[in-house]
Each structure stands twice: as structure tokens, then as C-alpha cells.
Amino acid sequence: MALRHRTREELSGRLARMWDASRANGNEPRFLEVVANAPNVAEFYFDHFYGGLFFNGIAPRRVKELVRLRLSNLHGCAS
């Protein structure tokens, strides 16, 4: 079952701002369009998982950089 991509107009205020920032940086905001189907999951991901992992020092810097590199490769980001 595929999840529906929400339009920018359907996103909550926070996700809409993140969508705008993503587009302004030249990125594709597909993840935000899909995670908008489950706002509670989006909140957990950005506030607790991603926020804790990358911004609150839970993981060593080396691990963070390796994760970012792998994610960029998986998502087709230019290197």
C-alpha cells in the first residue's frame, strides 16, 4: 500500500515551513509530504529521534557523519 503524498497546502504549519525550507535549499521535500499522513510519527521523528540523535549529542560525531553520508547516498544527493 502506497502512502499518499500530501500537497504543501495540506501540511501542518511546522511541516509546511520545513517544506518551504527544503525547497528553498534545492531539496525535494517528498519525505515531508508522506510523513504528513501520520503527524504523531513526524513529531516523534523530528523532536525525539532525529533531534536527539543529531542535535543533542546522543551519538558520537563520527557516527553522525557516517549516518548523514549513508542517508545522502540512499536519497541520491549529489556529492
C-alpha atoms as a PDB file:
ATOM      1  CA  MET A   1       0.000   0.000   0.000  1.00  0.00           C
ATOM      2  CA  ALA A   2       1.469   3.328  -1.040  1.00  0.00           C
ATOM      3  CA  LEU A   3       1.116   6.385   1.127  1.00  0.00           C
ATOM      4  CA  ARG A   4      -0.339   9.467  -0.458  1.00  0.00           C
ATOM      5  CA  HIS A   5       1.881  12.491  -0.952  1.00  0.00           C
ATOM      6  CA  ARG A   6       0.160  15.423   0.734  1.00  0.00           C
ATOM      7  CA  THR A   7       0.233  18.753  -1.035  1.00  0.00           C
ATOM      8  CA  ARG A   8       2.034  21.670   0.553  1.00  0.00           C
ATOM      9  CA  GLU A   9      -1.354  23.204   1.380  1.00  0.00           C
ATOM     10  CA  GLU A  10      -2.356  20.094   3.353  1.00  0.00           C
ATOM     11  CA  LEU A  11       0.696  20.199   5.629  1.00  0.00           C
ATOM     12  CA  SER A  12       0.584  21.497   9.184  1.00  0.00           C
ATOM     13  CA  GLY A  13       2.257  24.822   9.905  1.00  0.00           C
ATOM     14  CA  ARG A  14       5.509  23.241  11.046  1.00  0.00           C
ATOM     15  CA  LEU A  15       5.721  20.756   8.186  1.00  0.00           C
ATOM     16  CA  ALA A  16       4.780  23.482   5.694  1.00  0.00           C
ATOM     17  CA  ARG A  17       7.654  25.641   6.967  1.00  0.00           C
ATOM     18  CA  MET A  18      10.024  22.676   6.705  1.00  0.00           C
ATOM     19  CA  TRP A  19       8.702  22.007   3.183  1.00  0.00           C
ATOM     20  CA  ASP A  20       9.398  25.625   2.202  1.00  0.00           C
ATOM     21  CA  ALA A  21      12.911  25.470   3.653  1.00  0.00           C
ATOM     22  CA  SER A  22      13.614  22.205   1.867  1.00  0.00           C
ATOM     23  CA  ARG A  23      12.556  23.639  -1.488  1.00  0.00           C
ATOM     24  CA  ALA A  24      14.499  26.868  -0.840  1.00  0.00           C
ATOM     25  CA  ASN A  25      17.628  24.747  -0.308  1.00  0.00           C
ATOM     26  CA  GLY A  26      17.078  22.932  -3.590  1.00  0.00           C
ATOM     27  CA  ASN A  27      15.935  19.706  -1.946  1.00  0.00           C
ATOM     28  CA  GLU A  28      12.961  17.522  -2.735  1.00  0.00           C
ATOM     29  CA  PRO A  29      10.501  17.509   0.224  1.00  0.00           C
ATOM     30  CA  ARG A  30       8.884  14.123  -0.560  1.00  0.00           C
ATOM     31  CA  PHE A  31       9.584  12.762   2.911  1.00  0.00           C
ATOM     32  CA  LEU A  32       7.612  15.619   4.462  1.00  0.00           C
ATOM     33  CA  GLU A  33       4.729  15.064   2.048  1.00  0.00           C
ATOM     34  CA  VAL A  34       4.492  11.399   3.073  1.00  0.00           C
ATOM     35  CA  VAL A  35       5.133  11.737   6.811  1.00  0.00           C
ATOM     36  CA  ALA A  36       2.276  14.258   6.920  1.00  0.00           C
ATOM     37  CA  ASN A  37      -0.038  11.222   6.757  1.00  0.00           C
ATOM     38  CA  ALA A  38       0.927  10.481  10.374  1.00  0.00           C
ATOM     39  CA  PRO A  39       1.601  13.756  12.240  1.00  0.00           C
ATOM     40  CA  ASN A  40       2.359  11.934  15.508  1.00  0.00           C
ATOM     41  CA  VAL A  41       5.107   9.940  13.755  1.00  0.00           C
ATOM     42  CA  ALA A  42       6.506  13.151  12.235  1.00  0.00           C
ATOM     43  CA  GLU A  43       6.585  14.787  15.660  1.00  0.00           C
ATOM     44  CA  PHE A  44       8.376  11.804  17.215  1.00  0.00           C
ATOM     45  CA  TYR A  45      10.869  11.592  14.345  1.00  0.00           C
ATOM     46  CA  PHE A  46      11.846  15.267  14.278  1.00  0.00           C
ATOM     47  CA  ASP A  47      11.674  16.011  18.009  1.00  0.00           C
ATOM     48  CA  HIS A  48      12.940  12.825  19.592  1.00  0.00           C
ATOM     49  CA  PHE A  49      14.705  10.570  17.122  1.00  0.00           C
ATOM     50  CA  TYR A  50      16.362  12.940  14.642  1.00  0.00           C
ATOM     51  CA  GLY A  51      16.623  15.808  17.110  1.00  0.00           C
ATOM     52  CA  GLY A  52      18.101  13.606  19.810  1.00  0.00           C
ATOM     53  CA  LEU A  53      20.473  11.790  17.516  1.00  0.00           C
ATOM     54  CA  PHE A  54      21.850  14.733  15.570  1.00  0.00           C
ATOM     55  CA  PHE A  55      21.431  17.731  17.847  1.00  0.00           C
ATOM     56  CA  ASN A  56      21.541  16.523  21.451  1.00  0.00           C
ATOM     57  CA  GLY A  57      24.808  14.616  21.456  1.00  0.00           C
ATOM     58  CA  ILE A  58      23.393  11.124  21.857  1.00  0.00           C
ATOM     59  CA  ALA A  59      25.684   9.706  19.173  1.00  0.00           C
ATOM     60  CA  PRO A  60      29.384  10.475  18.661  1.00  0.00           C
ATOM     61  CA  ARG A  61      30.181  12.925  15.866  1.00  0.00           C
ATOM     62  CA  ARG A  62      31.830  10.225  13.751  1.00  0.00           C
ATOM     63  CA  VAL A  63      28.666   8.119  13.811  1.00  0.00           C
ATOM     64  CA  LYS A  64      26.522  11.144  12.919  1.00  0.00           C
ATOM     65  CA  GLU A  65      28.682  11.934   9.902  1.00  0.00           C
ATOM     66  CA  LEU A  66      28.585   8.323   8.707  1.00  0.00           C
ATOM     67  CA  VAL A  67      24.800   8.245   9.049  1.00  0.00           C
ATOM     68  CA  ARG A  68      24.455  11.519   7.147  1.00  0.00           C
ATOM     69  CA  LEU A  69      26.729  10.219   4.395  1.00  0.00           C
ATOM     70  CA  ARG A  70      24.755   6.993   4.076  1.00  0.00           C
ATOM     71  CA  LEU A  71      21.439   8.831   4.040  1.00  0.00           C
ATOM     72  CA  SER A  72      22.648  11.194   1.355  1.00  0.00           C
ATOM     73  CA  ASN A  73      23.748   8.210  -0.759  1.00  0.00           C
ATOM     74  CA  LEU A  74      20.423   6.442  -0.266  1.00  0.00           C
ATOM     75  CA  HIS A  75      18.461   9.535  -1.247  1.00  0.00           C
ATOM     76  CA  GLY A  76      20.542  10.321  -4.317  1.00  0.00           C
ATOM     77  CA  CYS A  77      22.023  13.552  -3.017  1.00  0.00           C
ATOM     78  CA  ALA A  78      24.831  14.953  -5.131  1.00  0.00           C
ATOM     79  CA  SER A  79      28.257  14.635  -3.559  1.00  0.00           C
END
